[in-house]
Amino acid sequence: MQPPMMPPQQPLQQQSSTEKEELGEQLYPKIEDLLNEEDRGEAAKITGMILETTREEIIELINDPEKLKIRVGEALQLLTKGTGN
């Protein structure tokens, strides 16, 4: 008997760490490609921020480059606002 599947709307941190790692490995290079040279150091932080959302939202961002670009821009703004840059 297989364990019950978690509902897709649960935050990813409540889902399997393997799945979180796999999604992060798909997201990171896409995020890194969207950042300019000086912001590339933020790719890991932005990936982590996105991984805090739901599985469905993450998969949607992986599959929709425009939505990912918007989300990365929003995350970068939050990070630079937080550091005073």
Protein backbone atom coordinates (compact mmCIF):
# COMPACT_ATOMS: atom_id res chain seq x y z
CA MET A 1 0.00 0.00 0.00
CA GLN A 2 1.38 3.39 -1.02
CA PRO A 3 1.42 6.29 1.44
CA PRO A 4 -1.29 8.89 0.78
CA MET A 5 -0.33 11.71 -1.58
CA MET A 6 -0.22 15.18 -0.08
CA PRO A 7 -2.64 17.71 -1.51
CA PRO A 8 -0.89 19.90 -4.11
CA GLN A 9 -1.80 23.11 -2.27
CA GLN A 10 0.31 22.30 0.79
CA PRO A 11 3.46 24.38 1.17
CA LEU A 12 6.43 22.51 -0.23
CA GLN A 13 8.24 22.39 3.12
CA GLN A 14 5.56 19.94 4.28
CA GLN A 15 6.19 17.70 1.28
CA SER A 16 9.09 15.36 0.67
CA SER A 17 12.54 16.89 0.88
CA THR A 18 13.50 14.87 -2.20
CA GLU A 19 10.78 16.55 -4.23
CA LYS A 20 11.81 19.95 -2.88
CA GLU A 21 15.40 19.25 -3.89
CA GLU A 22 14.38 18.11 -7.38
CA LEU A 23 12.23 21.19 -7.95
CA GLY A 24 15.02 23.40 -6.62
CA GLU A 25 17.46 21.81 -9.06
CA GLN A 26 15.10 22.65 -11.91
CA LEU A 27 14.46 26.20 -10.69
CA TYR A 28 17.98 27.32 -9.81
CA PRO A 29 19.52 27.39 -13.32
CA LYS A 30 16.41 29.07 -14.73
CA ILE A 31 16.59 31.74 -12.03
CA GLU A 32 20.34 32.18 -12.46
CA ASP A 33 19.85 32.74 -16.20
CA LEU A 34 17.34 35.52 -15.49
CA LEU A 35 19.74 37.47 -13.26
CA ASN A 36 22.44 39.83 -14.39
CA GLU A 37 26.03 39.20 -13.34
CA GLU A 38 25.91 41.35 -10.19
CA ASP A 39 22.70 39.70 -8.92
CA ARG A 40 23.64 36.07 -9.62
CA GLY A 41 24.73 35.65 -6.01
CA GLU A 42 21.06 35.96 -5.05
CA ALA A 43 19.96 32.96 -7.15
CA ALA A 44 20.08 30.54 -4.20
CA LYS A 45 18.09 32.90 -1.96
CA ILE A 46 15.48 33.50 -4.63
CA THR A 47 15.21 29.76 -5.29
CA GLY A 48 14.66 29.22 -1.58
CA MET A 49 12.00 31.92 -1.48
CA ILE A 50 10.11 30.31 -4.36
CA LEU A 51 10.41 26.86 -2.77
CA GLU A 52 8.41 28.21 0.18
CA THR A 53 5.31 28.35 -2.04
CA THR A 54 3.06 25.49 -3.09
CA ARG A 55 4.13 22.64 -5.35
CA GLU A 56 1.61 23.66 -8.02
CA GLU A 57 2.88 27.22 -8.06
CA ILE A 58 6.49 26.07 -8.36
CA ILE A 59 5.68 23.76 -11.26
CA GLU A 60 3.75 26.57 -12.94
CA LEU A 61 6.79 28.84 -12.63
CA ILE A 62 9.10 26.15 -14.00
CA ASN A 63 6.83 25.75 -17.02
CA ASP A 64 6.08 29.44 -17.64
CA PRO A 65 9.24 31.53 -18.19
CA GLU A 66 7.32 34.82 -18.16
CA LYS A 67 5.74 34.14 -14.77
CA LEU A 68 9.10 33.02 -13.43
CA LYS A 69 10.72 36.22 -14.71
CA ILE A 70 8.10 38.31 -12.91
CA ARG A 71 8.48 36.33 -9.66
CA VAL A 72 12.27 36.57 -9.78
CA GLY A 73 12.01 40.34 -10.27
CA GLU A 74 9.68 40.62 -7.27
CA ALA A 75 11.99 38.50 -5.12
CA LEU A 76 15.03 40.52 -6.15
CA GLN A 77 13.23 43.74 -5.21
CA LEU A 78 12.45 42.30 -1.77
CA LEU A 79 16.05 41.26 -1.27
CA THR A 80 17.51 44.60 -2.35
CA LYS A 81 14.96 46.51 -0.30
CA GLY A 82 15.95 44.42 2.72
CA THR A 83 19.65 45.22 2.27
CA GLY A 84 19.07 48.91 1.57
CA ASN A 85 20.48 48.78 -1.97
